[in-house]
Structure formats: C-alpha cells, structure tokens
C-alpha cells in the first residue's frame, strides 16, 4: 500500500506571512517612542593618542644615556629599550648589522619579521623607513616614517627623526617645498 505525503507536506510547511497588526490607539493615548540607546563603548582610531599607550622608561636610564648619545640617537635607544620582546631586539640588532654592511634586503626582511611580532612598535616602522630611504624608495620611506609618528604620539624626538626621513625622501623625489616643510616640522619638534 502506497500513501502519498506530498500534498500534506506542502500545505503543512508552506510559508506563511504574519498578519499585519493595526495600531488602533489614538495619538493622545499612544506611548511616546523611545529614542534608540546610545552605545557607551569608545571606538579608538589609530590616530587617537589613547590608542597606543607609551611605556615610560626609568629615569636613571634616560639620564645615563643622555650623557653618551646625541638627542636623536637617544630617542631611538629609548624606543629600543621599550621593546618588550627579546626576539624583536635580536631582529633589530640583525637588521642594524645588515644595514651597515649594505645588505638592505636582509635588513628589510629582519625588520618585517619583527613587525609581525610587534606591529605597533614605532621604532620598527622608523627603522624600515630608514632602510627604504637608503634604497631610494622614497614613497615607502615617507609612508613608514608617517606610520611611525602615528604610533609614537608622545615621542617628539622620534617624530622629529621621522620628519627628517620625510625631508630626505622628499628631496630625493625632487620636492623641495615638501623637504623644507618636513625640516621645519623636525626643527619644531626638537625645540620644546
């Protein structure tokens, strides 16, 4: 005996649209509409100073270094000391060795590996900008220097060094007005 359930299934599982409900209340008795609730969550953007929290160095370290190093090198040393990962420090050392021996591609590879570990480290972006500048890759040097400055809102010396990278890259591109502007910005950041 064969029983067909096709007809039953169609009527049982057919899609039904819900009936519309009419609002029968008068305008006087209708409840006031509620305003949508505002979210209290703060949305951070990369440009916000609160996005990257700089970690202060111990005062003794800064004072000791200030006698030995010029101001520009001091900020790089401070940023290196703030690096949290020993692997990143080792990769930075490798990159410095490669860069001084003219092995720019190896230096870039070391810095990019370090950036995979600490992508928000402004020193790494600065170092990558320096190597790109040495390569003559002006646009990338400028982009890396800008990224470094965004990630280091409280480090005026590092920002000043980044503006110097931008100035040199602008000169390389033949943009003398841009180079002058960048040098002025670097000078302003160095004078407190």
N, C-alpha and C. Protein backbone atom coordinates (compact mmCIF):
# COMPACT_ATOMS: atom_id res chain seq x y z
N UNK A 1 0.84 -1.17 0.00
CA UNK A 1 0.00 0.00 0.00
C UNK A 1 0.89 1.24 0.00
N UNK A 2 0.58 2.14 -0.88
CA UNK A 2 1.39 3.34 -1.07
C UNK A 2 0.58 4.56 -0.64
N UNK A 3 1.17 5.36 0.27
CA UNK A 3 0.48 6.55 0.75
C UNK A 3 1.32 7.76 0.36
N UNK A 4 0.71 8.76 -0.18
CA UNK A 4 1.43 9.95 -0.61
C UNK A 4 1.32 11.04 0.46
N UNK A 5 2.47 11.52 0.84
CA UNK A 5 2.50 12.61 1.82
C UNK A 5 2.86 13.94 1.19
N UNK A 6 2.98 13.97 -0.09
CA UNK A 6 3.42 15.19 -0.77
C UNK A 6 2.42 16.32 -0.57
N UNK A 7 1.19 16.08 -0.73
CA UNK A 7 0.17 17.11 -0.57
C UNK A 7 0.13 17.64 0.84
N UNK A 8 0.29 16.74 1.84
CA UNK A 8 0.28 17.17 3.24
C UNK A 8 1.47 18.04 3.55
N UNK A 9 2.60 17.63 3.03
CA UNK A 9 3.83 18.38 3.33
C UNK A 9 3.75 19.78 2.77
N UNK A 10 3.19 19.91 1.62
CA UNK A 10 3.12 21.22 1.01
C UNK A 10 2.22 22.15 1.80
N UNK A 11 1.11 21.64 2.23
CA UNK A 11 0.20 22.52 2.96
C UNK A 11 0.69 22.77 4.38
N UNK A 12 1.38 21.80 4.97
CA UNK A 12 1.84 21.97 6.34
C UNK A 12 3.03 22.91 6.42
N UNK A 13 3.95 22.77 5.47
CA UNK A 13 5.19 23.54 5.54
C UNK A 13 5.21 24.73 4.59
N UNK A 14 4.09 25.16 4.12
CA UNK A 14 4.09 26.31 3.22
C UNK A 14 4.45 27.55 4.02
N UNK A 15 5.04 28.48 3.34
CA UNK A 15 5.46 29.70 4.04
C UNK A 15 4.25 30.58 4.26
N UNK A 16 4.17 31.07 5.44
CA UNK A 16 3.06 31.95 5.80
C UNK A 16 3.63 33.30 6.19
N UNK A 17 2.99 34.32 5.75
CA UNK A 17 3.42 35.65 6.15
C UNK A 17 2.60 36.08 7.34
N UNK A 18 3.23 36.69 8.33
CA UNK A 18 2.47 37.11 9.50
C UNK A 18 1.50 38.22 9.14
N UNK A 19 0.36 38.20 9.78
CA UNK A 19 -0.65 39.22 9.54
C UNK A 19 -0.20 40.53 10.14
N UNK A 20 -0.55 41.61 9.48
CA UNK A 20 -0.19 42.93 9.99
C UNK A 20 -1.12 43.29 11.13
N UNK A 21 -0.56 43.92 12.14
CA UNK A 21 -1.35 44.34 13.29
C UNK A 21 -1.55 45.84 13.16
N UNK A 22 -2.80 46.24 13.21
CA UNK A 22 -3.10 47.65 13.10
C UNK A 22 -2.96 48.32 14.45
N UNK A 23 -2.47 49.56 14.44
CA UNK A 23 -2.37 50.35 15.66
C UNK A 23 -3.69 51.08 15.82
N UNK A 24 -4.48 50.65 16.81
CA UNK A 24 -5.81 51.24 16.99
C UNK A 24 -5.82 52.30 18.07
N UNK A 25 -4.67 52.64 18.59
CA UNK A 25 -4.65 53.66 19.64
C UNK A 25 -4.69 55.04 18.99
N UNK A 26 -5.25 55.97 19.70
CA UNK A 26 -5.32 57.33 19.18
C UNK A 26 -3.99 58.02 19.47
N UNK A 27 -3.69 59.09 18.77
CA UNK A 27 -2.43 59.79 19.01
C UNK A 27 -2.27 60.27 20.45
N UNK A 28 -3.42 60.55 21.14
CA UNK A 28 -3.33 61.03 22.51
C UNK A 28 -2.94 59.91 23.46
N UNK A 29 -3.37 58.67 23.19
CA UNK A 29 -3.10 57.56 24.11
C UNK A 29 -1.87 56.75 23.71
N UNK A 30 -1.31 57.05 22.57
CA UNK A 30 -0.14 56.28 22.13
C UNK A 30 1.05 56.60 23.03
N UNK A 31 1.83 55.58 23.33
CA UNK A 31 3.03 55.76 24.16
C UNK A 31 4.10 56.48 23.34
N UNK A 32 4.84 57.37 23.99
CA UNK A 32 5.89 58.07 23.24
C UNK A 32 6.97 57.08 22.80
N UNK A 33 7.48 57.33 21.61
CA UNK A 33 8.51 56.43 21.07
C UNK A 33 9.82 56.65 21.83
N UNK A 34 10.50 55.54 22.13
CA UNK A 34 11.77 55.63 22.84
C UNK A 34 12.89 55.92 21.85
N UNK A 35 13.80 56.76 22.26
CA UNK A 35 14.97 57.03 21.43
C UNK A 35 15.89 55.82 21.50
N UNK A 36 16.54 55.48 20.42
CA UNK A 36 17.46 54.34 20.48
C UNK A 36 18.60 54.64 21.45
N UNK A 37 18.99 53.61 22.19
CA UNK A 37 20.04 53.79 23.19
C UNK A 37 21.38 53.98 22.52
N UNK A 38 22.15 54.91 23.06
CA UNK A 38 23.48 55.17 22.53
C UNK A 38 24.47 54.23 23.20
N UNK A 39 25.38 53.72 22.43
CA UNK A 39 26.41 52.83 22.98
C UNK A 39 27.43 53.67 23.73
N UNK A 40 27.85 53.18 24.88
CA UNK A 40 28.86 53.89 25.66
C UNK A 40 30.26 53.40 25.34
N UNK A 41 30.39 52.42 24.45
CA UNK A 41 31.71 51.89 24.10
C UNK A 41 32.48 52.93 23.29
N UNK A 42 33.73 53.10 23.62
CA UNK A 42 34.58 54.06 22.91
C UNK A 42 35.24 53.35 21.73
N UNK A 43 35.17 53.98 20.57
CA UNK A 43 35.82 53.45 19.38
C UNK A 43 37.13 54.20 19.21
N UNK A 44 38.22 53.45 19.24
CA UNK A 44 39.54 54.05 19.09
C UNK A 44 39.97 54.00 17.64
N UNK A 45 40.56 55.07 17.20
CA UNK A 45 41.15 55.11 15.87
C UNK A 45 42.66 55.12 16.05
N UNK A 46 43.37 54.75 15.01
CA UNK A 46 44.82 54.67 15.07
C UNK A 46 45.43 56.03 15.39
N UNK A 47 44.75 57.12 15.00
CA UNK A 47 45.29 58.45 15.22
C UNK A 47 45.10 58.93 16.66
N UNK A 48 44.21 58.29 17.42
CA UNK A 48 43.93 58.71 18.79
C UNK A 48 45.15 58.49 19.68
N UNK A 49 45.50 59.47 20.52
CA UNK A 49 46.63 59.28 21.42
C UNK A 49 46.42 58.13 22.41
N UNK A 50 45.16 57.82 22.73
CA UNK A 50 44.90 56.75 23.69
C UNK A 50 45.09 55.37 23.08
N UNK A 51 45.17 55.29 21.74
CA UNK A 51 45.25 54.01 21.07
C UNK A 51 46.54 53.27 21.43
N UNK A 52 47.65 53.97 21.44
CA UNK A 52 48.94 53.38 21.79
C UNK A 52 49.40 54.03 23.08
N UNK A 53 49.57 53.25 24.10
CA UNK A 53 49.98 53.77 25.39
C UNK A 53 51.49 53.65 25.50
N UNK A 54 52.22 54.78 25.47
CA UNK A 54 53.67 54.69 25.60
C UNK A 54 54.06 54.24 27.00
N UNK A 55 55.09 53.43 27.07
CA UNK A 55 55.56 52.94 28.36
C UNK A 55 56.76 53.79 28.78
N UNK A 56 56.69 54.46 29.95
CA UNK A 56 57.80 55.31 30.36
C UNK A 56 59.01 54.47 30.74
N UNK A 57 60.17 55.07 30.50
CA UNK A 57 61.43 54.43 30.89
C UNK A 57 61.81 54.85 32.29
N UNK A 58 62.61 54.06 32.97
CA UNK A 58 63.12 54.51 34.26
C UNK A 58 63.98 55.76 34.07
N UNK A 59 63.87 56.71 34.99
CA UNK A 59 64.60 57.97 34.86
C UNK A 59 66.11 57.77 34.79
N UNK A 60 66.65 56.84 35.55
CA UNK A 60 68.09 56.63 35.56
C UNK A 60 68.59 56.24 34.17
N UNK A 61 67.85 55.44 33.47
CA UNK A 61 68.27 55.00 32.15
C UNK A 61 68.33 56.19 31.20
N UNK A 62 67.36 57.06 31.25
CA UNK A 62 67.33 58.23 30.38
C UNK A 62 68.50 59.15 30.70
N UNK A 63 68.76 59.41 31.97
CA UNK A 63 69.85 60.31 32.35
C UNK A 63 71.20 59.73 31.96
N UNK A 64 71.40 58.43 32.19
CA UNK A 64 72.67 57.81 31.83
C UNK A 64 72.91 57.92 30.33
N UNK A 65 71.90 57.65 29.55
CA UNK A 65 72.05 57.66 28.10
C UNK A 65 72.23 59.07 27.55
N UNK A 66 71.64 60.07 28.19
CA UNK A 66 71.70 61.42 27.65
C UNK A 66 73.12 61.97 27.65
N UNK A 67 73.98 61.47 28.52
CA UNK A 67 75.37 61.93 28.53
C UNK A 67 76.16 61.32 27.38
N UNK A 68 75.78 60.10 26.96
CA UNK A 68 76.55 59.38 25.96
C UNK A 68 76.09 59.63 24.53
N UNK A 69 74.81 59.84 24.33
CA UNK A 69 74.25 59.87 23.00
C UNK A 69 73.67 61.24 22.66
N UNK A 70 73.75 61.64 21.39
CA UNK A 70 73.05 62.86 20.98
C UNK A 70 71.54 62.64 21.05
N UNK A 71 70.74 63.72 21.10
CA UNK A 71 69.30 63.59 21.29
C UNK A 71 68.60 62.66 20.29
N UNK A 72 68.97 62.71 19.02
CA UNK A 72 68.29 61.86 18.04
C UNK A 72 68.55 60.39 18.33
N UNK A 73 69.78 60.05 18.64
CA UNK A 73 70.10 58.66 18.95
C UNK A 73 69.49 58.24 20.28
N UNK A 74 69.31 59.19 21.19
CA UNK A 74 68.71 58.89 22.49
C UNK A 74 67.28 58.38 22.31
N UNK A 75 66.50 59.02 21.44
CA UNK A 75 65.12 58.58 21.28
C UNK A 75 65.05 57.19 20.67
N UNK A 76 65.97 56.88 19.76
CA UNK A 76 65.99 55.54 19.18
C UNK A 76 66.36 54.53 20.25
N UNK A 77 67.32 54.88 21.10
CA UNK A 77 67.72 53.97 22.17
C UNK A 77 66.57 53.78 23.16
N UNK A 78 65.86 54.85 23.50
CA UNK A 78 64.71 54.74 24.40
C UNK A 78 63.65 53.82 23.81
N UNK A 79 63.38 53.98 22.53
CA UNK A 79 62.38 53.14 21.88
C UNK A 79 62.82 51.69 21.86
N UNK A 80 64.11 51.46 21.66
CA UNK A 80 64.62 50.09 21.65
C UNK A 80 64.47 49.47 23.04
N UNK A 81 64.71 50.26 24.09
CA UNK A 81 64.59 49.74 25.45
C UNK A 81 63.13 49.45 25.81
N UNK A 82 62.20 50.14 25.17
CA UNK A 82 60.79 49.92 25.45
C UNK A 82 60.25 48.68 24.74
N UNK A 83 61.02 48.15 23.81
CA UNK A 83 60.59 46.95 23.09
C UNK A 83 60.46 45.82 24.08
N UNK A 84 59.32 45.15 24.05
CA UNK A 84 59.04 44.15 25.06
C UNK A 84 59.60 42.77 24.73
N UNK A 85 59.78 42.45 23.50
CA UNK A 85 60.15 41.10 23.11
C UNK A 85 61.65 40.97 22.84
N UNK A 86 62.32 40.01 23.47
CA UNK A 86 63.74 39.77 23.17
C UNK A 86 63.95 39.37 21.71
N UNK A 87 62.97 38.71 21.12
CA UNK A 87 63.09 38.33 19.71
C UNK A 87 63.15 39.57 18.82
N UNK A 88 62.35 40.58 19.16
CA UNK A 88 62.35 41.81 18.37
C UNK A 88 63.68 42.54 18.52
N UNK A 89 64.23 42.56 19.73
CA UNK A 89 65.53 43.19 19.95
C UNK A 89 66.60 42.49 19.12
N UNK A 90 66.57 41.16 19.11
CA UNK A 90 67.55 40.39 18.32
C UNK A 90 67.38 40.67 16.83
N UNK A 91 66.14 40.74 16.37
CA UNK A 91 65.90 41.03 14.95
C UNK A 91 66.34 42.44 14.59
N UNK A 92 66.15 43.40 15.51
CA UNK A 92 66.63 44.76 15.27
C UNK A 92 68.15 44.81 15.19
N UNK A 93 68.81 44.07 16.07
CA UNK A 93 70.27 44.01 16.01
C UNK A 93 70.74 43.43 14.68
N UNK A 94 70.08 42.36 14.24
CA UNK A 94 70.41 41.77 12.94
C UNK A 94 70.20 42.79 11.82
N UNK A 95 69.08 43.50 11.87
CA UNK A 95 68.78 44.49 10.83
C UNK A 95 69.83 45.59 10.80
N UNK A 96 70.28 46.04 11.98
CA UNK A 96 71.33 47.06 12.03
C UNK A 96 72.62 46.55 11.41
N UNK A 97 72.98 45.31 11.72
CA UNK A 97 74.20 44.72 11.14
C UNK A 97 74.09 44.63 9.62
N UNK A 98 72.95 44.16 9.15
CA UNK A 98 72.75 44.05 7.70
C UNK A 98 72.80 45.42 7.03
N UNK A 99 72.16 46.40 7.64
CA UNK A 99 72.11 47.73 7.03
C UNK A 99 73.49 48.36 6.96
N UNK A 100 74.30 48.17 8.00
CA UNK A 100 75.64 48.78 7.99
C UNK A 100 76.58 48.08 7.01
N UNK A 101 76.31 46.83 6.68
CA UNK A 101 77.15 46.11 5.71
C UNK A 101 76.59 46.19 4.29
N UNK A 102 75.51 46.96 4.11
CA UNK A 102 74.96 47.15 2.78
C UNK A 102 73.98 46.08 2.33
N UNK A 103 73.61 45.18 3.20
CA UNK A 103 72.66 44.12 2.86
C UNK A 103 71.24 44.60 3.19
N UNK A 104 70.73 45.47 2.34
CA UNK A 104 69.45 46.12 2.62
C UNK A 104 68.27 45.15 2.59
N UNK A 105 68.28 44.21 1.66
CA UNK A 105 67.16 43.25 1.59
C UNK A 105 67.07 42.40 2.85
N UNK A 106 68.23 41.99 3.38
CA UNK A 106 68.24 41.20 4.61
C UNK A 106 67.77 42.05 5.79
N UNK A 107 68.17 43.34 5.78
CA UNK A 107 67.73 44.25 6.84
C UNK A 107 66.21 44.40 6.81
N UNK A 108 65.66 44.58 5.61
CA UNK A 108 64.21 44.71 5.46
C UNK A 108 63.52 43.44 5.94
N UNK A 109 64.06 42.28 5.58
CA UNK A 109 63.45 41.01 6.00
C UNK A 109 63.44 40.88 7.52
N UNK A 110 64.53 41.28 8.19
CA UNK A 110 64.58 41.20 9.65
C UNK A 110 63.57 42.14 10.29
N UNK A 111 63.47 43.35 9.76
CA UNK A 111 62.52 44.32 10.32
C UNK A 111 61.09 43.85 10.09
N UNK A 112 60.81 43.32 8.92
CA UNK A 112 59.45 42.84 8.65
C UNK A 112 59.09 41.65 9.53
N UNK A 113 60.05 40.80 9.84
CA UNK A 113 59.79 39.70 10.78
C UNK A 113 59.48 40.27 12.16
N UNK A 114 60.23 41.29 12.57
CA UNK A 114 59.97 41.92 13.87
C UNK A 114 58.59 42.58 13.88
N UNK A 115 58.19 43.16 12.76
CA UNK A 115 56.87 43.80 12.68
C UNK A 115 55.74 42.79 12.79
N UNK A 116 55.97 41.56 12.38
CA UNK A 116 54.95 40.53 12.56
C UNK A 116 54.76 40.21 14.03
N UNK A 117 55.81 40.41 14.83
CA UNK A 117 55.73 40.17 16.27
C UNK A 117 55.12 41.38 16.97
N UNK A 118 55.60 42.58 16.63
CA UNK A 118 55.12 43.82 17.26
C UNK A 118 54.73 44.83 16.18
N UNK A 119 53.54 44.70 15.62
CA UNK A 119 53.15 45.60 14.53
C UNK A 119 52.91 47.05 14.94
N UNK A 120 52.78 47.31 16.22
CA UNK A 120 52.52 48.69 16.68
C UNK A 120 53.77 49.33 17.28
N UNK A 121 54.93 48.78 16.99
CA UNK A 121 56.17 49.32 17.53
C UNK A 121 56.67 50.43 16.60
N UNK A 122 56.67 51.69 17.07
CA UNK A 122 57.06 52.80 16.20
C UNK A 122 58.51 52.75 15.76
N UNK A 123 59.39 52.18 16.59
CA UNK A 123 60.80 52.10 16.22
C UNK A 123 60.99 51.20 15.00
N UNK A 124 60.24 50.12 14.93
CA UNK A 124 60.37 49.21 13.79
C UNK A 124 59.96 49.89 12.49
N UNK A 125 58.88 50.65 12.54
CA UNK A 125 58.44 51.39 11.35
C UNK A 125 59.47 52.45 10.97
N UNK A 126 60.07 53.09 11.98
CA UNK A 126 61.11 54.09 11.73
C UNK A 126 62.32 53.44 11.05
N UNK A 127 62.75 52.31 11.59
CA UNK A 127 63.90 51.60 11.02
C UNK A 127 63.61 51.17 9.58
N UNK A 128 62.40 50.69 9.33
CA UNK A 128 62.04 50.29 7.97
C UNK A 128 62.06 51.51 7.05
N UNK A 129 61.63 52.65 7.55
CA UNK A 129 61.69 53.88 6.77
C UNK A 129 63.12 54.28 6.44
N UNK A 130 64.03 54.10 7.41
CA UNK A 130 65.44 54.41 7.16
C UNK A 130 66.02 53.53 6.06
N UNK A 131 65.72 52.24 6.12
CA UNK A 131 66.25 51.33 5.10
C UNK A 131 65.65 51.66 3.74
N UNK A 132 64.36 51.94 3.69
CA UNK A 132 63.73 52.30 2.42
C UNK A 132 64.35 53.59 1.86
N UNK A 133 64.71 54.51 2.75
CA UNK A 133 65.38 55.74 2.32
C UNK A 133 66.74 55.42 1.71
N UNK A 134 67.49 54.53 2.35
CA UNK A 134 68.80 54.13 1.82
C UNK A 134 68.67 53.44 0.47
N UNK A 135 67.58 52.71 0.27
CA UNK A 135 67.34 52.04 -1.01
C UNK A 135 66.93 53.02 -2.11
N UNK A 136 66.50 54.22 -1.71
CA UNK A 136 65.99 55.17 -2.69
C UNK A 136 64.52 54.97 -2.99
N UNK A 137 63.84 54.24 -2.14
CA UNK A 137 62.41 54.00 -2.29
C UNK A 137 61.69 55.11 -1.52
N UNK A 138 61.57 56.27 -2.15
CA UNK A 138 61.13 57.49 -1.47
C UNK A 138 59.72 57.39 -0.91
N UNK A 139 58.78 56.90 -1.71
CA UNK A 139 57.39 56.85 -1.26
C UNK A 139 57.21 55.93 -0.06
N UNK A 140 57.87 54.78 -0.09
CA UNK A 140 57.75 53.87 1.05
C UNK A 140 58.45 54.44 2.28
N UNK A 141 59.56 55.13 2.09
CA UNK A 141 60.25 55.75 3.23
C UNK A 141 59.34 56.76 3.91
N UNK A 142 58.65 57.56 3.12
CA UNK A 142 57.71 58.55 3.67
C UNK A 142 56.56 57.85 4.40
N UNK A 143 56.01 56.82 3.79
CA UNK A 143 54.88 56.11 4.40
C UNK A 143 55.29 55.46 5.73
N UNK A 144 56.47 54.88 5.77
CA UNK A 144 56.93 54.22 7.01
C UNK A 144 57.18 55.25 8.11
N UNK A 145 57.76 56.39 7.75
CA UNK A 145 58.02 57.45 8.73
C UNK A 145 56.71 58.00 9.29
N UNK A 146 55.72 58.18 8.44
CA UNK A 146 54.42 58.67 8.91
C UNK A 146 53.76 57.66 9.84
N UNK A 147 53.84 56.40 9.49
CA UNK A 147 53.25 55.35 10.34
C UNK A 147 53.94 55.34 11.70
N UNK A 148 55.26 55.48 11.72
CA UNK A 148 56.00 55.51 12.98
C UNK A 148 55.55 56.68 13.85
N UNK A 149 55.37 57.83 13.25
CA UNK A 149 54.95 59.01 14.01
C UNK A 149 53.55 58.85 14.59
N UNK A 150 52.66 58.23 13.83
CA UNK A 150 51.30 57.99 14.33
C UNK A 150 51.33 57.08 15.55
N UNK A 151 52.22 56.10 15.53
CA UNK A 151 52.31 55.14 16.62
C UNK A 151 53.10 55.65 17.83
N UNK A 152 53.75 56.81 17.68
CA UNK A 152 54.55 57.37 18.78
C UNK A 152 54.11 58.79 19.08
N UNK A 153 52.87 58.99 19.54
CA UNK A 153 52.38 60.35 19.72
C UNK A 153 53.12 61.15 20.78
N UNK A 154 53.70 60.51 21.77
CA UNK A 154 54.39 61.24 22.83
C UNK A 154 55.89 61.34 22.66
N UNK A 155 56.43 60.73 21.63
CA UNK A 155 57.88 60.70 21.44
C UNK A 155 58.27 61.74 20.40
N UNK A 156 58.51 62.96 20.87
CA UNK A 156 58.81 64.08 19.96
C UNK A 156 60.11 63.88 19.20
N UNK A 157 61.10 63.29 19.85
CA UNK A 157 62.38 63.10 19.17
C UNK A 157 62.26 62.08 18.04
N UNK A 158 61.55 61.01 18.28
CA UNK A 158 61.35 60.02 17.22
C UNK A 158 60.52 60.62 16.09
N UNK A 159 59.52 61.41 16.44
CA UNK A 159 58.73 62.08 15.41
C UNK A 159 59.61 63.03 14.59
N UNK A 160 60.53 63.72 15.28
CA UNK A 160 61.44 64.62 14.58
C UNK A 160 62.32 63.84 13.60
N UNK A 161 62.82 62.70 14.03
CA UNK A 161 63.63 61.87 13.14
C UNK A 161 62.80 61.38 11.95
N UNK A 162 61.54 61.08 12.20
CA UNK A 162 60.67 60.66 11.10
C UNK A 162 60.47 61.79 10.10
N UNK A 163 60.34 63.02 10.59
CA UNK A 163 60.23 64.16 9.68
C UNK A 163 61.50 64.34 8.87
N UNK A 164 62.65 64.01 9.45
CA UNK A 164 63.91 64.10 8.69
C UNK A 164 63.95 63.04 7.59
N UNK A 165 63.42 61.87 7.86
CA UNK A 165 63.31 60.85 6.79
C UNK A 165 62.42 61.39 5.67
N UNK A 166 61.31 62.01 6.06
CA UNK A 166 60.39 62.57 5.07
C UNK A 166 61.08 63.67 4.27
N UNK A 167 61.89 64.50 4.95
CA UNK A 167 62.61 65.58 4.26
C UNK A 167 63.58 65.01 3.24
N UNK A 168 64.36 64.02 3.63
CA UNK A 168 65.35 63.43 2.71
C UNK A 168 64.66 62.72 1.54
N UNK A 169 63.57 62.02 1.84
CA UNK A 169 62.84 61.34 0.76
C UNK A 169 62.20 62.35 -0.18
N UNK A 170 61.70 63.45 0.36
CA UNK A 170 61.11 64.49 -0.49
C UNK A 170 62.17 65.10 -1.39
N UNK A 171 63.36 65.32 -0.85
CA UNK A 171 64.47 65.81 -1.68
C UNK A 171 64.77 64.82 -2.79
N UNK A 172 64.79 63.54 -2.45
CA UNK A 172 65.06 62.51 -3.44
C UNK A 172 64.03 62.51 -4.56
N UNK A 173 62.79 62.85 -4.22
CA UNK A 173 61.71 62.92 -5.22
C UNK A 173 61.75 64.23 -6.00
N UNK A 174 62.57 65.18 -5.56
CA UNK A 174 62.62 66.48 -6.21
C UNK A 174 61.61 67.47 -5.67
N UNK A 175 61.02 67.17 -4.54
CA UNK A 175 60.01 68.03 -3.92
C UNK A 175 60.69 68.92 -2.88
N UNK A 176 61.25 70.04 -3.32
CA UNK A 176 62.00 70.90 -2.40
C UNK A 176 61.08 71.58 -1.38
N UNK A 177 59.87 71.94 -1.80
CA UNK A 177 58.94 72.58 -0.86
C UNK A 177 58.54 71.59 0.24
N UNK A 178 58.27 70.35 -0.14
CA UNK A 178 57.94 69.32 0.84
C UNK A 178 59.10 69.04 1.78
N UNK A 179 60.31 69.07 1.24
CA UNK A 179 61.51 68.84 2.06
C UNK A 179 61.69 69.97 3.07
N UNK A 180 61.47 71.21 2.63
CA UNK A 180 61.60 72.35 3.55
C UNK A 180 60.55 72.27 4.66
N UNK A 181 59.33 71.93 4.30
CA UNK A 181 58.26 71.80 5.29
C UNK A 181 58.61 70.71 6.30
N UNK A 182 59.10 69.59 5.82
CA UNK A 182 59.45 68.48 6.72
C UNK A 182 60.59 68.87 7.65
N UNK A 183 61.58 69.60 7.15
CA UNK A 183 62.68 70.06 8.01
C UNK A 183 62.18 71.04 9.08
N UNK A 184 61.25 71.91 8.69
CA UNK A 184 60.66 72.83 9.68
C UNK A 184 59.92 72.06 10.77
N UNK A 185 59.19 71.05 10.38
CA UNK A 185 58.47 70.23 11.36
C UNK A 185 59.44 69.52 12.30
N UNK A 186 60.52 69.01 11.75
CA UNK A 186 61.53 68.33 12.57
C UNK A 186 62.14 69.30 13.57
N UNK A 187 62.42 70.51 13.11
CA UNK A 187 63.02 71.52 13.99
C UNK A 187 62.04 71.92 15.11
N UNK A 188 60.77 72.09 14.78
CA UNK A 188 59.76 72.44 15.79
C UNK A 188 59.66 71.36 16.86
N UNK A 189 59.73 70.11 16.46
CA UNK A 189 59.61 69.02 17.42
C UNK A 189 60.84 68.92 18.33
N UNK A 190 61.98 69.36 17.85
CA UNK A 190 63.20 69.30 18.67
C UNK A 190 63.28 70.44 19.68
N UNK A 191 62.60 71.54 19.40
CA UNK A 191 62.59 72.65 20.36
C UNK A 191 61.36 72.51 21.23
N UNK A 192 61.56 72.37 22.48
CA UNK A 192 60.43 72.15 23.39
C UNK A 192 59.87 73.46 23.74
